[in-house]
Amino acid sequence: MGYTHYWTDFGSGDILPAEAVKLIKQVIDQAYGLSLIQREHDDSRPPIVTAQEVRFNGVGEEGHETFHYSTSPGDEIGFCKTARKPYDAVVMRVLLILGYYREGLTIRSDGEFDDEWADALAWFNREVGHAYVDRHLGFYRPSTSQPISIPDLCF
């Protein structure tokens, strides 16, 4: 079957919050600038990041399955096999941002949250919000919003 990340999104709303789109775009733009990702493994156009959709893959042989998240009805369940290729770090960061901003979105993975996910979780907790693992991945969501900035990423 392969190393895969899974998500279900039964959150409300047909668009992502503006702050989530901004953060995902920062992560995606930097990874694209580092030639880690592009639209498809064989399509060098930039990835797609909108309030309704996020789509990207690794580059060439470093790609595997396309990460495609959509808020469209019928797309509540998704998955992405990355085979632990370099773009896997980008997939995990994007999923963490989505999980934080989309109450009702749950994330599962063939990877362990205290192993393969450790770097992504450390980045998220340092730069975005606070995620925790207690048999499942969860998020502390503050009741007030604070400005969030993403410094240069190290993949």
N, C-alpha and C. Protein backbone atom coordinates (compact mmCIF):
# COMPACT_ATOMS: atom_id res chain seq x y z
N MET A 1 0.82 -1.19 0.00
CA MET A 1 0.00 0.00 0.00
C MET A 1 0.86 1.25 0.00
N GLY A 2 1.83 1.37 0.90
CA GLY A 2 2.72 2.52 0.89
C GLY A 2 2.46 3.48 2.03
N TYR A 3 3.44 4.30 2.29
CA TYR A 3 3.38 5.29 3.36
C TYR A 3 2.40 6.39 2.96
N THR A 4 1.34 6.56 3.77
CA THR A 4 0.21 7.42 3.39
C THR A 4 -0.24 8.27 4.56
N HIS A 5 -0.70 9.48 4.25
CA HIS A 5 -1.38 10.36 5.20
C HIS A 5 -2.84 10.42 4.79
N TYR A 6 -3.75 10.41 5.79
CA TYR A 6 -5.18 10.38 5.55
C TYR A 6 -5.83 11.55 6.29
N TRP A 7 -6.92 12.06 5.74
CA TRP A 7 -7.67 13.08 6.46
C TRP A 7 -9.16 12.95 6.15
N THR A 8 -9.95 13.37 7.11
CA THR A 8 -11.40 13.54 6.90
C THR A 8 -11.71 14.96 7.34
N ASP A 9 -12.56 15.61 6.58
CA ASP A 9 -12.90 17.00 6.87
C ASP A 9 -14.41 17.16 6.89
N PHE A 10 -14.96 17.09 8.09
CA PHE A 10 -16.39 17.32 8.26
C PHE A 10 -16.62 18.67 8.93
N GLY A 11 -15.67 19.59 8.69
CA GLY A 11 -15.78 20.95 9.20
C GLY A 11 -16.81 21.73 8.42
N SER A 12 -17.17 22.87 8.94
CA SER A 12 -18.17 23.69 8.28
C SER A 12 -17.50 24.71 7.36
N GLY A 13 -18.22 25.11 6.38
CA GLY A 13 -17.74 26.12 5.46
C GLY A 13 -17.14 25.54 4.20
N ASP A 14 -17.37 26.26 3.11
CA ASP A 14 -16.85 25.79 1.83
C ASP A 14 -15.59 26.53 1.41
N ILE A 15 -15.03 27.34 2.32
CA ILE A 15 -13.74 27.98 2.05
C ILE A 15 -12.86 27.88 3.30
N LEU A 16 -11.57 27.93 3.05
CA LEU A 16 -10.61 27.94 4.15
C LEU A 16 -10.51 29.36 4.71
N PRO A 17 -10.25 29.49 6.00
CA PRO A 17 -10.04 30.82 6.56
C PRO A 17 -8.85 31.51 5.87
N ALA A 18 -8.92 32.82 5.73
CA ALA A 18 -7.88 33.59 5.05
C ALA A 18 -6.50 33.37 5.67
N GLU A 19 -6.43 33.28 7.00
CA GLU A 19 -5.14 33.07 7.66
C GLU A 19 -4.55 31.71 7.29
N ALA A 20 -5.39 30.69 7.15
CA ALA A 20 -4.90 29.36 6.75
C ALA A 20 -4.34 29.42 5.33
N VAL A 21 -5.06 30.08 4.43
CA VAL A 21 -4.59 30.20 3.03
C VAL A 21 -3.25 30.93 3.00
N LYS A 22 -3.13 31.99 3.78
CA LYS A 22 -1.89 32.77 3.82
C LYS A 22 -0.72 31.90 4.28
N LEU A 23 -0.92 31.15 5.35
CA LEU A 23 0.16 30.30 5.88
C LEU A 23 0.52 29.17 4.93
N ILE A 24 -0.50 28.53 4.35
CA ILE A 24 -0.23 27.45 3.39
C ILE A 24 0.52 28.01 2.20
N LYS A 25 0.11 29.17 1.72
CA LYS A 25 0.78 29.79 0.57
C LYS A 25 2.25 30.07 0.90
N GLN A 26 2.55 30.53 2.11
CA GLN A 26 3.94 30.78 2.50
C GLN A 26 4.75 29.48 2.47
N VAL A 27 4.20 28.43 3.03
CA VAL A 27 4.89 27.13 3.04
C VAL A 27 5.10 26.63 1.61
N ILE A 28 4.03 26.68 0.82
CA ILE A 28 4.09 26.19 -0.57
C ILE A 28 5.05 27.03 -1.41
N ASP A 29 4.97 28.35 -1.30
CA ASP A 29 5.85 29.21 -2.10
C ASP A 29 7.32 28.95 -1.78
N GLN A 30 7.64 28.78 -0.50
CA GLN A 30 9.03 28.53 -0.16
C GLN A 30 9.48 27.17 -0.68
N ALA A 31 8.65 26.14 -0.51
CA ALA A 31 9.01 24.81 -1.00
C ALA A 31 9.14 24.79 -2.53
N TYR A 32 8.28 25.53 -3.22
CA TYR A 32 8.36 25.64 -4.68
C TYR A 32 9.66 26.35 -5.07
N GLY A 33 10.00 27.41 -4.33
CA GLY A 33 11.24 28.13 -4.60
C GLY A 33 12.48 27.28 -4.39
N LEU A 34 12.38 26.30 -3.50
CA LEU A 34 13.49 25.37 -3.25
C LEU A 34 13.46 24.16 -4.18
N SER A 35 12.53 24.16 -5.13
CA SER A 35 12.34 23.07 -6.10
C SER A 35 12.01 21.74 -5.43
N LEU A 36 11.31 21.78 -4.28
CA LEU A 36 10.84 20.56 -3.63
C LEU A 36 9.50 20.10 -4.18
N ILE A 37 8.68 21.06 -4.63
CA ILE A 37 7.34 20.75 -5.12
C ILE A 37 7.03 21.54 -6.37
N GLN A 38 5.99 21.09 -7.07
CA GLN A 38 5.42 21.78 -8.21
C GLN A 38 4.00 21.27 -8.36
N ARG A 39 3.31 21.66 -9.43
CA ARG A 39 1.89 21.30 -9.58
C ARG A 39 1.70 19.79 -9.59
N GLU A 40 2.40 19.10 -10.46
CA GLU A 40 2.39 17.64 -10.56
C GLU A 40 3.84 17.18 -10.72
N HIS A 41 4.10 15.91 -10.52
CA HIS A 41 5.50 15.46 -10.63
C HIS A 41 6.10 15.76 -12.00
N ASP A 42 5.23 15.81 -13.03
CA ASP A 42 5.70 16.07 -14.39
C ASP A 42 5.17 17.40 -14.94
N ASP A 43 4.74 18.30 -14.07
CA ASP A 43 4.19 19.60 -14.48
C ASP A 43 4.83 20.66 -13.60
N SER A 44 5.73 21.44 -14.17
CA SER A 44 6.52 22.39 -13.39
C SER A 44 5.80 23.68 -13.03
N ARG A 45 4.55 23.80 -13.42
CA ARG A 45 3.81 25.01 -13.03
C ARG A 45 3.70 25.07 -11.51
N PRO A 46 3.47 26.26 -10.97
CA PRO A 46 3.36 26.39 -9.50
C PRO A 46 2.19 25.58 -8.94
N PRO A 47 2.30 25.17 -7.69
CA PRO A 47 1.19 24.49 -7.02
C PRO A 47 -0.04 25.40 -6.96
N ILE A 48 -1.18 24.80 -6.66
CA ILE A 48 -2.44 25.55 -6.52
C ILE A 48 -2.71 25.75 -5.04
N VAL A 49 -2.96 26.98 -4.65
CA VAL A 49 -3.39 27.30 -3.29
C VAL A 49 -4.48 28.35 -3.39
N THR A 50 -5.72 27.95 -3.09
CA THR A 50 -6.84 28.87 -3.05
C THR A 50 -7.62 28.62 -1.76
N ALA A 51 -8.67 29.37 -1.56
CA ALA A 51 -9.51 29.18 -0.38
C ALA A 51 -10.34 27.90 -0.47
N GLN A 52 -10.35 27.25 -1.65
CA GLN A 52 -11.09 26.01 -1.82
C GLN A 52 -10.22 24.80 -2.12
N GLU A 53 -8.95 25.02 -2.45
CA GLU A 53 -8.14 23.90 -2.95
C GLU A 53 -6.65 24.12 -2.69
N VAL A 54 -5.97 23.00 -2.38
CA VAL A 54 -4.50 22.96 -2.30
C VAL A 54 -4.07 21.74 -3.09
N ARG A 55 -3.11 21.95 -4.03
CA ARG A 55 -2.68 20.84 -4.89
C ARG A 55 -1.20 21.00 -5.21
N PHE A 56 -0.41 19.92 -4.96
CA PHE A 56 1.01 19.92 -5.30
C PHE A 56 1.54 18.49 -5.26
N ASN A 57 2.74 18.32 -5.78
CA ASN A 57 3.43 17.03 -5.76
C ASN A 57 4.92 17.32 -5.69
N GLY A 58 5.71 16.30 -5.48
CA GLY A 58 7.15 16.44 -5.56
C GLY A 58 7.58 16.60 -7.01
N VAL A 59 8.84 16.85 -7.23
CA VAL A 59 9.37 17.11 -8.56
C VAL A 59 9.95 15.84 -9.16
N GLY A 60 9.48 15.48 -10.37
CA GLY A 60 10.02 14.33 -11.09
C GLY A 60 9.96 13.05 -10.28
N GLU A 61 11.10 12.35 -10.21
CA GLU A 61 11.18 11.09 -9.47
C GLU A 61 11.03 11.30 -7.96
N GLU A 62 11.16 12.53 -7.50
CA GLU A 62 10.97 12.84 -6.07
C GLU A 62 9.50 13.09 -5.73
N GLY A 63 8.63 12.96 -6.73
CA GLY A 63 7.20 13.04 -6.49
C GLY A 63 6.62 11.64 -6.37
N HIS A 64 5.42 11.55 -5.87
CA HIS A 64 4.73 10.27 -5.77
C HIS A 64 3.27 10.54 -6.10
N GLU A 65 2.38 10.55 -5.12
CA GLU A 65 1.00 10.92 -5.39
C GLU A 65 0.81 12.41 -5.13
N THR A 66 -0.08 13.00 -5.89
CA THR A 66 -0.39 14.41 -5.72
C THR A 66 -1.16 14.63 -4.42
N PHE A 67 -0.73 15.62 -3.65
CA PHE A 67 -1.51 16.05 -2.49
C PHE A 67 -2.63 16.94 -3.04
N HIS A 68 -3.87 16.55 -2.78
CA HIS A 68 -5.01 17.35 -3.24
C HIS A 68 -6.04 17.42 -2.13
N TYR A 69 -6.21 18.63 -1.61
CA TYR A 69 -7.22 18.90 -0.59
C TYR A 69 -8.24 19.86 -1.20
N SER A 70 -9.52 19.60 -0.94
CA SER A 70 -10.58 20.46 -1.47
C SER A 70 -11.69 20.59 -0.44
N THR A 71 -12.28 21.76 -0.39
CA THR A 71 -13.43 21.99 0.49
C THR A 71 -14.74 21.64 -0.20
N SER A 72 -14.68 21.17 -1.42
CA SER A 72 -15.90 20.85 -2.19
C SER A 72 -16.68 19.70 -1.55
N PRO A 73 -18.01 19.79 -1.60
CA PRO A 73 -18.82 18.66 -1.12
C PRO A 73 -18.42 17.38 -1.87
N GLY A 74 -18.32 16.29 -1.15
CA GLY A 74 -17.90 15.03 -1.75
C GLY A 74 -16.42 14.76 -1.58
N ASP A 75 -15.66 15.78 -1.14
CA ASP A 75 -14.22 15.62 -0.93
C ASP A 75 -13.86 15.59 0.56
N GLU A 76 -14.75 15.06 1.38
CA GLU A 76 -14.54 15.07 2.82
C GLU A 76 -13.46 14.10 3.27
N ILE A 77 -13.17 13.11 2.46
CA ILE A 77 -12.17 12.09 2.80
C ILE A 77 -11.05 12.14 1.78
N GLY A 78 -9.81 12.20 2.26
CA GLY A 78 -8.69 12.28 1.34
C GLY A 78 -7.47 11.54 1.86
N PHE A 79 -6.52 11.33 0.99
CA PHE A 79 -5.26 10.69 1.38
C PHE A 79 -4.19 11.05 0.37
N CYS A 80 -2.94 10.89 0.77
CA CYS A 80 -1.81 11.15 -0.11
C CYS A 80 -0.68 10.20 0.26
N LYS A 81 -0.28 9.37 -0.70
CA LYS A 81 0.88 8.50 -0.53
C LYS A 81 2.11 9.29 -0.96
N THR A 82 3.06 9.45 -0.05
CA THR A 82 4.27 10.21 -0.37
C THR A 82 5.51 9.33 -0.47
N ALA A 83 5.44 8.09 -0.01
CA ALA A 83 6.59 7.18 -0.01
C ALA A 83 7.79 7.79 0.71
N ARG A 84 7.52 8.69 1.66
CA ARG A 84 8.55 9.36 2.45
C ARG A 84 9.53 10.16 1.59
N LYS A 85 9.09 10.59 0.42
CA LYS A 85 9.95 11.40 -0.45
C LYS A 85 10.02 12.82 0.12
N PRO A 86 10.97 13.64 -0.32
CA PRO A 86 11.20 14.94 0.31
C PRO A 86 9.96 15.84 0.44
N TYR A 87 9.02 15.77 -0.46
CA TYR A 87 7.84 16.62 -0.36
C TYR A 87 6.90 16.20 0.77
N ASP A 88 7.18 15.06 1.40
CA ASP A 88 6.40 14.60 2.55
C ASP A 88 6.40 15.65 3.67
N ALA A 89 7.52 16.33 3.87
CA ALA A 89 7.60 17.37 4.91
C ALA A 89 6.62 18.50 4.63
N VAL A 90 6.42 18.82 3.37
CA VAL A 90 5.48 19.88 2.99
C VAL A 90 4.05 19.39 3.21
N VAL A 91 3.76 18.15 2.85
CA VAL A 91 2.43 17.57 3.07
C VAL A 91 2.07 17.63 4.55
N MET A 92 2.99 17.23 5.42
CA MET A 92 2.71 17.24 6.85
C MET A 92 2.45 18.64 7.36
N ARG A 93 3.23 19.62 6.93
CA ARG A 93 3.03 21.00 7.38
C ARG A 93 1.68 21.53 6.92
N VAL A 94 1.33 21.26 5.69
CA VAL A 94 0.03 21.73 5.17
C VAL A 94 -1.11 21.06 5.94
N LEU A 95 -1.00 19.77 6.19
CA LEU A 95 -2.04 19.09 6.97
C LEU A 95 -2.17 19.66 8.38
N LEU A 96 -1.06 19.99 9.01
CA LEU A 96 -1.12 20.58 10.34
C LEU A 96 -1.83 21.93 10.32
N ILE A 97 -1.54 22.75 9.32
CA ILE A 97 -2.22 24.04 9.20
C ILE A 97 -3.71 23.82 8.96
N LEU A 98 -4.05 22.91 8.06
CA LEU A 98 -5.47 22.62 7.80
C LEU A 98 -6.16 22.13 9.07
N GLY A 99 -5.51 21.23 9.79
CA GLY A 99 -6.11 20.70 11.01
C GLY A 99 -6.34 21.76 12.07
N TYR A 100 -5.46 22.73 12.14
CA TYR A 100 -5.57 23.80 13.12
C TYR A 100 -6.73 24.75 12.79
N TYR A 101 -6.87 25.06 11.52
CA TYR A 101 -7.87 26.05 11.11
C TYR A 101 -9.22 25.45 10.73
N ARG A 102 -9.29 24.16 10.53
CA ARG A 102 -10.55 23.51 10.14
C ARG A 102 -11.00 22.58 11.25
N GLU A 103 -11.77 23.10 12.19
CA GLU A 103 -12.33 22.23 13.21
C GLU A 103 -13.19 21.20 12.48
N GLY A 104 -13.06 19.97 12.86
CA GLY A 104 -13.76 18.90 12.16
C GLY A 104 -12.87 18.14 11.21
N LEU A 105 -11.64 18.62 10.98
CA LEU A 105 -10.68 17.91 10.13
C LEU A 105 -9.83 17.04 11.05
N THR A 106 -9.74 15.76 10.73
CA THR A 106 -8.89 14.85 11.49
C THR A 106 -7.81 14.29 10.57
N ILE A 107 -6.67 14.03 11.16
CA ILE A 107 -5.51 13.56 10.40
C ILE A 107 -5.05 12.23 10.98
N ARG A 108 -4.82 11.27 10.09
CA ARG A 108 -4.20 9.99 10.45
C ARG A 108 -3.03 9.78 9.52
N SER A 109 -2.13 8.90 9.91
CA SER A 109 -0.94 8.69 9.09
C SER A 109 -0.37 7.30 9.33
N ASP A 110 0.27 6.77 8.33
CA ASP A 110 1.04 5.54 8.51
C ASP A 110 2.31 5.84 9.30
N GLY A 111 2.72 7.11 9.33
CA GLY A 111 3.87 7.53 10.12
C GLY A 111 3.47 7.75 11.56
N GLU A 112 4.45 7.70 12.44
CA GLU A 112 4.22 7.92 13.86
C GLU A 112 4.38 9.41 14.16
N PHE A 113 3.48 9.95 14.99
CA PHE A 113 3.55 11.36 15.32
C PHE A 113 4.80 11.69 16.14
N ASP A 114 5.36 10.71 16.86
CA ASP A 114 6.59 10.97 17.62
C ASP A 114 7.84 10.55 16.85
N ASP A 115 7.69 10.19 15.59
CA ASP A 115 8.84 9.79 14.78
C ASP A 115 8.84 10.61 13.48
N GLU A 116 8.20 10.10 12.44
CA GLU A 116 8.20 10.79 11.15
C GLU A 116 7.64 12.21 11.22
N TRP A 117 6.67 12.43 12.10
CA TRP A 117 6.03 13.74 12.22
C TRP A 117 6.76 14.68 13.16
N ALA A 118 7.79 14.24 13.86
CA ALA A 118 8.42 15.04 14.91
C ALA A 118 8.89 16.41 14.40
N ASP A 119 9.56 16.46 13.27
CA ASP A 119 10.05 17.75 12.75
C ASP A 119 8.90 18.67 12.37
N ALA A 120 7.88 18.13 11.71
CA ALA A 120 6.73 18.95 11.31
C ALA A 120 5.99 19.47 12.53
N LEU A 121 5.82 18.64 13.55
CA LEU A 121 5.14 19.08 14.77
C LEU A 121 5.97 20.13 15.51
N ALA A 122 7.28 19.97 15.56
CA ALA A 122 8.14 20.97 16.21
C ALA A 122 8.03 22.30 15.48
N TRP A 123 8.08 22.26 14.15
CA TRP A 123 7.92 23.48 13.35
C TRP A 123 6.57 24.13 13.64
N PHE A 124 5.51 23.33 13.60
CA PHE A 124 4.16 23.87 13.81
C PHE A 124 4.04 24.51 15.19
N ASN A 125 4.50 23.83 16.22
CA ASN A 125 4.38 24.35 17.58
C ASN A 125 5.23 25.59 17.80
N ARG A 126 6.30 25.72 17.06
CA ARG A 126 7.17 26.89 17.17
C ARG A 126 6.63 28.07 16.36
N GLU A 127 6.01 27.80 15.20
CA GLU A 127 5.70 28.87 14.25
C GLU A 127 4.22 29.17 14.05
N VAL A 128 3.33 28.26 14.36
CA VAL A 128 1.93 28.46 13.99
C VAL A 128 0.99 28.42 15.19
N GLY A 129 0.94 27.31 15.87
CA GLY A 129 -0.03 27.12 16.94
C GLY A 129 0.48 26.05 17.89
N HIS A 130 -0.43 25.27 18.43
CA HIS A 130 0.01 24.21 19.32
C HIS A 130 -0.77 22.93 19.01
N ALA A 131 -0.04 21.91 18.58
CA ALA A 131 -0.61 20.58 18.34
C ALA A 131 -0.08 19.66 19.42
N TYR A 132 -0.83 18.64 19.73
CA TYR A 132 -0.41 17.67 20.73
C TYR A 132 -0.82 16.28 20.27
N VAL A 133 -0.18 15.28 20.83
CA VAL A 133 -0.52 13.89 20.52
C VAL A 133 -0.88 13.19 21.82
N ASP A 134 -2.10 12.68 21.87
CA ASP A 134 -2.58 11.89 22.99
C ASP A 134 -3.38 10.75 22.37
N ARG A 135 -2.67 9.78 21.83
CA ARG A 135 -3.21 8.70 21.02
C ARG A 135 -3.68 9.19 19.65
N HIS A 136 -4.13 10.40 19.54
CA HIS A 136 -4.53 11.03 18.27
C HIS A 136 -3.94 12.43 18.24
N LEU A 137 -3.84 12.98 17.05
CA LEU A 137 -3.37 14.35 16.89
C LEU A 137 -4.49 15.30 17.24
N GLY A 138 -4.20 16.31 18.03
CA GLY A 138 -5.18 17.31 18.40
C GLY A 138 -4.56 18.69 18.37
N PHE A 139 -5.37 19.72 18.49
CA PHE A 139 -4.90 21.10 18.43
C PHE A 139 -5.49 21.92 19.57
N TYR A 140 -4.65 22.75 20.19
CA TYR A 140 -5.16 23.76 21.11
C TYR A 140 -5.47 24.98 20.24
N ARG A 141 -6.69 25.45 20.29
CA ARG A 141 -7.08 26.60 19.49
C ARG A 141 -7.37 27.77 20.42
N PRO A 142 -6.59 28.84 20.31
CA PRO A 142 -6.84 29.99 21.19
C PRO A 142 -8.18 30.65 20.85
N SER A 143 -8.78 31.26 21.86
CA SER A 143 -10.06 31.93 21.62
C SER A 143 -9.87 33.27 20.93
N THR A 144 -8.68 33.83 21.00
CA THR A 144 -8.40 35.08 20.31
C THR A 144 -7.31 34.83 19.28
N SER A 145 -7.42 35.49 18.15
CA SER A 145 -6.41 35.29 17.11
C SER A 145 -5.24 36.23 17.35
N GLN A 146 -4.07 35.75 17.03
CA GLN A 146 -2.86 36.54 17.14
C GLN A 146 -2.16 36.53 15.79
N PRO A 147 -1.42 37.58 15.48
CA PRO A 147 -0.70 37.57 14.20
C PRO A 147 0.29 36.41 14.17
N ILE A 148 0.39 35.77 13.03
CA ILE A 148 1.28 34.64 12.87
C ILE A 148 2.20 34.93 11.68
N SER A 149 3.47 34.70 11.83
CA SER A 149 4.40 34.85 10.72
C SER A 149 5.22 33.59 10.60
N ILE A 150 5.59 33.26 9.40
CA ILE A 150 6.37 32.06 9.14
C ILE A 150 7.76 32.51 8.66
N PRO A 151 8.82 32.21 9.42
CA PRO A 151 10.17 32.52 8.95
C PRO A 151 10.60 31.53 7.87
N ASP A 152 11.79 31.69 7.38
CA ASP A 152 12.29 30.75 6.38
C ASP A 152 12.19 29.33 6.89
N LEU A 153 11.78 28.44 6.03
CA LEU A 153 11.60 27.05 6.40
C LEU A 153 12.86 26.25 6.11
N CYS A 154 13.11 25.27 6.92
CA CYS A 154 14.20 24.34 6.69
C CYS A 154 13.58 22.98 6.50
N PHE A 155 13.63 22.45 5.31
CA PHE A 155 13.04 21.14 5.04
C PHE A 155 14.11 20.08 5.16
